[in-house]
């Protein structure tokens, strides 16, 4: 059996659910972000604050794990 034939045999004849392609998210069940959420996601000072906060929490955990 050639490689082409084995690939064809592995693929299902019809997909169970239709495939969603980019730009076809009209039937998506995910809610759209609110304007406030979008503003916070694109706010550079807020993102820097969150980045620093997460890094400090990780450093604290690592420091605790290395202390015996």
N, C-alpha and C. Protein backbone atom coordinates (compact mmCIF):
# COMPACT_ATOMS: atom_id res chain seq x y z
N UNK A 1 0.86 -1.17 0.00
CA UNK A 1 0.00 0.00 0.00
C UNK A 1 0.90 1.23 0.00
N UNK A 2 0.61 2.19 -0.85
CA UNK A 2 1.43 3.39 -0.92
C UNK A 2 1.05 4.34 0.22
N UNK A 3 1.90 5.34 0.42
CA UNK A 3 1.65 6.30 1.48
C UNK A 3 0.37 7.09 1.20
N UNK A 4 0.09 7.39 -0.04
CA UNK A 4 -1.12 8.11 -0.41
C UNK A 4 -2.38 7.35 -0.02
N UNK A 5 -2.37 6.05 -0.27
CA UNK A 5 -3.54 5.23 0.06
C UNK A 5 -3.75 5.14 1.56
N UNK A 6 -2.66 5.03 2.33
CA UNK A 6 -2.82 4.93 3.78
C UNK A 6 -3.34 6.24 4.36
N UNK A 7 -2.94 7.38 3.81
CA UNK A 7 -3.46 8.67 4.28
C UNK A 7 -4.94 8.80 3.99
N UNK A 8 -5.38 8.35 2.83
CA UNK A 8 -6.79 8.43 2.48
C UNK A 8 -7.63 7.52 3.36
N UNK A 9 -7.11 6.38 3.72
CA UNK A 9 -7.86 5.44 4.54
C UNK A 9 -8.05 5.97 5.96
N UNK A 10 -7.10 6.77 6.45
CA UNK A 10 -7.16 7.26 7.82
C UNK A 10 -8.16 8.41 7.97
N UNK A 11 -8.43 9.14 6.91
CA UNK A 11 -9.34 10.29 6.99
C UNK A 11 -10.79 9.82 6.97
N UNK A 12 -11.65 10.40 7.84
CA UNK A 12 -13.06 10.02 7.83
C UNK A 12 -13.73 10.50 6.55
N UNK A 13 -14.76 9.79 6.13
CA UNK A 13 -15.47 10.14 4.90
C UNK A 13 -16.18 11.48 5.04
N UNK A 14 -16.87 11.70 6.16
CA UNK A 14 -17.53 12.97 6.41
C UNK A 14 -17.23 13.40 7.84
N UNK A 15 -16.91 14.66 8.06
CA UNK A 15 -16.63 15.11 9.43
C UNK A 15 -17.90 15.10 10.27
N UNK A 16 -17.74 14.83 11.56
CA UNK A 16 -18.89 14.80 12.47
C UNK A 16 -19.49 16.19 12.62
N UNK A 17 -18.64 17.22 12.69
CA UNK A 17 -19.11 18.60 12.82
C UNK A 17 -18.44 19.42 11.74
N UNK A 18 -19.10 20.45 11.26
CA UNK A 18 -18.48 21.29 10.23
C UNK A 18 -17.26 22.00 10.80
N UNK A 19 -16.29 22.23 9.95
CA UNK A 19 -15.06 22.89 10.35
C UNK A 19 -15.28 24.40 10.26
N UNK A 20 -14.87 25.13 11.31
CA UNK A 20 -14.98 26.60 11.30
C UNK A 20 -13.67 27.18 10.81
N UNK A 21 -13.75 27.99 9.81
CA UNK A 21 -12.58 28.66 9.26
C UNK A 21 -12.51 30.08 9.81
N UNK A 22 -11.31 30.68 9.83
CA UNK A 22 -11.21 32.07 10.31
C UNK A 22 -12.18 32.97 9.54
N UNK A 23 -12.86 33.82 10.28
CA UNK A 23 -13.82 34.71 9.66
C UNK A 23 -15.23 34.17 9.66
N UNK A 24 -15.40 32.91 10.05
CA UNK A 24 -16.72 32.28 10.11
C UNK A 24 -17.13 32.05 11.55
N UNK A 25 -16.99 33.05 12.38
CA UNK A 25 -17.29 32.88 13.79
C UNK A 25 -18.66 33.41 14.17
N UNK A 26 -19.55 33.55 13.22
CA UNK A 26 -20.89 34.04 13.51
C UNK A 26 -21.67 33.12 14.43
N UNK A 27 -21.42 31.83 14.36
CA UNK A 27 -22.13 30.86 15.19
C UNK A 27 -21.36 30.50 16.45
N UNK A 28 -20.32 31.26 16.77
CA UNK A 28 -19.49 30.98 17.93
C UNK A 28 -20.29 31.18 19.21
N UNK A 29 -20.04 30.35 20.20
CA UNK A 29 -20.74 30.49 21.48
C UNK A 29 -19.95 31.33 22.47
N UNK A 30 -18.71 31.70 22.12
CA UNK A 30 -17.90 32.53 23.00
C UNK A 30 -18.40 33.96 22.96
N UNK A 31 -18.56 34.59 24.14
CA UNK A 31 -19.04 35.97 24.15
C UNK A 31 -17.95 36.94 23.69
N UNK A 32 -18.35 38.02 23.10
CA UNK A 32 -17.40 39.06 22.70
C UNK A 32 -16.94 39.81 23.93
N UNK A 33 -15.67 40.23 23.98
CA UNK A 33 -15.20 40.99 25.15
C UNK A 33 -15.88 42.34 25.23
N UNK A 34 -16.10 42.80 26.45
CA UNK A 34 -16.71 44.11 26.66
C UNK A 34 -15.69 45.19 26.33
N UNK A 35 -16.13 46.42 26.10
CA UNK A 35 -15.17 47.50 25.83
C UNK A 35 -14.15 47.67 26.95
N UNK A 36 -14.57 47.47 28.19
CA UNK A 36 -13.63 47.58 29.32
C UNK A 36 -12.57 46.50 29.28
N UNK A 37 -12.96 45.29 28.91
CA UNK A 37 -12.01 44.19 28.80
C UNK A 37 -11.00 44.46 27.69
N UNK A 38 -11.47 44.92 26.56
CA UNK A 38 -10.58 45.24 25.45
C UNK A 38 -9.61 46.34 25.86
N UNK A 39 -10.10 47.36 26.57
CA UNK A 39 -9.25 48.46 27.02
C UNK A 39 -8.15 47.95 27.95
N UNK A 40 -8.48 47.06 28.88
CA UNK A 40 -7.48 46.53 29.81
C UNK A 40 -6.48 45.63 29.10
N UNK A 41 -6.93 44.89 28.10
CA UNK A 41 -6.03 44.01 27.36
C UNK A 41 -5.05 44.79 26.50
N UNK A 42 -5.41 45.98 26.10
CA UNK A 42 -4.54 46.77 25.22
C UNK A 42 -3.84 47.91 25.97
N UNK A 43 -4.02 48.01 27.27
CA UNK A 43 -3.43 49.06 28.08
C UNK A 43 -2.03 48.61 28.52
N UNK A 44 -0.99 49.21 27.94
CA UNK A 44 0.40 48.78 28.20
C UNK A 44 0.79 48.93 29.67
N UNK A 45 0.51 50.06 30.34
CA UNK A 45 0.88 50.15 31.76
C UNK A 45 0.21 49.07 32.62
N UNK A 46 -1.03 48.78 32.34
CA UNK A 46 -1.72 47.73 33.10
C UNK A 46 -1.08 46.37 32.85
N UNK A 47 -0.71 46.10 31.60
CA UNK A 47 -0.07 44.82 31.28
C UNK A 47 1.29 44.71 31.95
N UNK A 48 2.04 45.81 32.00
CA UNK A 48 3.34 45.80 32.70
C UNK A 48 3.15 45.52 34.19
N UNK A 49 2.12 46.13 34.78
CA UNK A 49 1.81 45.88 36.19
C UNK A 49 1.49 44.41 36.41
N UNK A 50 0.64 43.83 35.56
CA UNK A 50 0.29 42.41 35.70
C UNK A 50 1.50 41.51 35.52
N UNK A 51 2.36 41.85 34.54
CA UNK A 51 3.57 41.08 34.30
C UNK A 51 4.46 41.10 35.54
N UNK A 52 4.66 42.29 36.12
CA UNK A 52 5.50 42.40 37.33
C UNK A 52 4.88 41.63 38.49
N UNK A 53 3.56 41.72 38.64
CA UNK A 53 2.89 41.03 39.74
C UNK A 53 3.04 39.51 39.64
N UNK A 54 2.85 38.99 38.42
CA UNK A 54 2.99 37.54 38.23
C UNK A 54 4.43 37.11 38.48
N UNK A 55 5.39 37.90 38.00
CA UNK A 55 6.79 37.56 38.22
C UNK A 55 7.15 37.57 39.70
N UNK A 56 6.62 38.53 40.45
CA UNK A 56 6.88 38.59 41.89
C UNK A 56 6.28 37.38 42.61
N UNK A 57 5.10 36.97 42.19
CA UNK A 57 4.49 35.78 42.80
C UNK A 57 5.31 34.53 42.52
N UNK A 58 5.80 34.41 41.26
CA UNK A 58 6.63 33.25 40.92
C UNK A 58 7.93 33.27 41.70
N UNK A 59 8.56 34.45 41.83
CA UNK A 59 9.81 34.56 42.58
C UNK A 59 9.58 34.17 44.04
N UNK A 60 8.46 34.59 44.59
CA UNK A 60 8.12 34.24 45.98
C UNK A 60 7.98 32.73 46.14
N UNK A 61 7.30 32.08 45.20
CA UNK A 61 7.14 30.62 45.25
C UNK A 61 8.48 29.91 45.15
N UNK A 62 9.31 30.37 44.22
CA UNK A 62 10.62 29.75 44.01
C UNK A 62 11.49 29.94 45.25
N UNK A 63 11.44 31.14 45.83
CA UNK A 63 12.22 31.41 47.03
C UNK A 63 11.79 30.49 48.17
N UNK A 64 10.48 30.28 48.31
CA UNK A 64 9.97 29.36 49.35
C UNK A 64 10.42 27.93 49.11
N UNK A 65 10.41 27.51 47.85
CA UNK A 65 10.76 26.12 47.55
C UNK A 65 12.24 25.85 47.76
N UNK A 66 13.08 26.87 47.66
CA UNK A 66 14.53 26.68 47.82
C UNK A 66 14.97 26.86 49.26
N UNK A 67 14.08 27.32 50.12
CA UNK A 67 14.41 27.50 51.53
C UNK A 67 14.06 26.20 52.27
N UNK A 68 15.06 25.64 52.94
CA UNK A 68 14.80 24.40 53.68
C UNK A 68 14.89 24.62 55.14
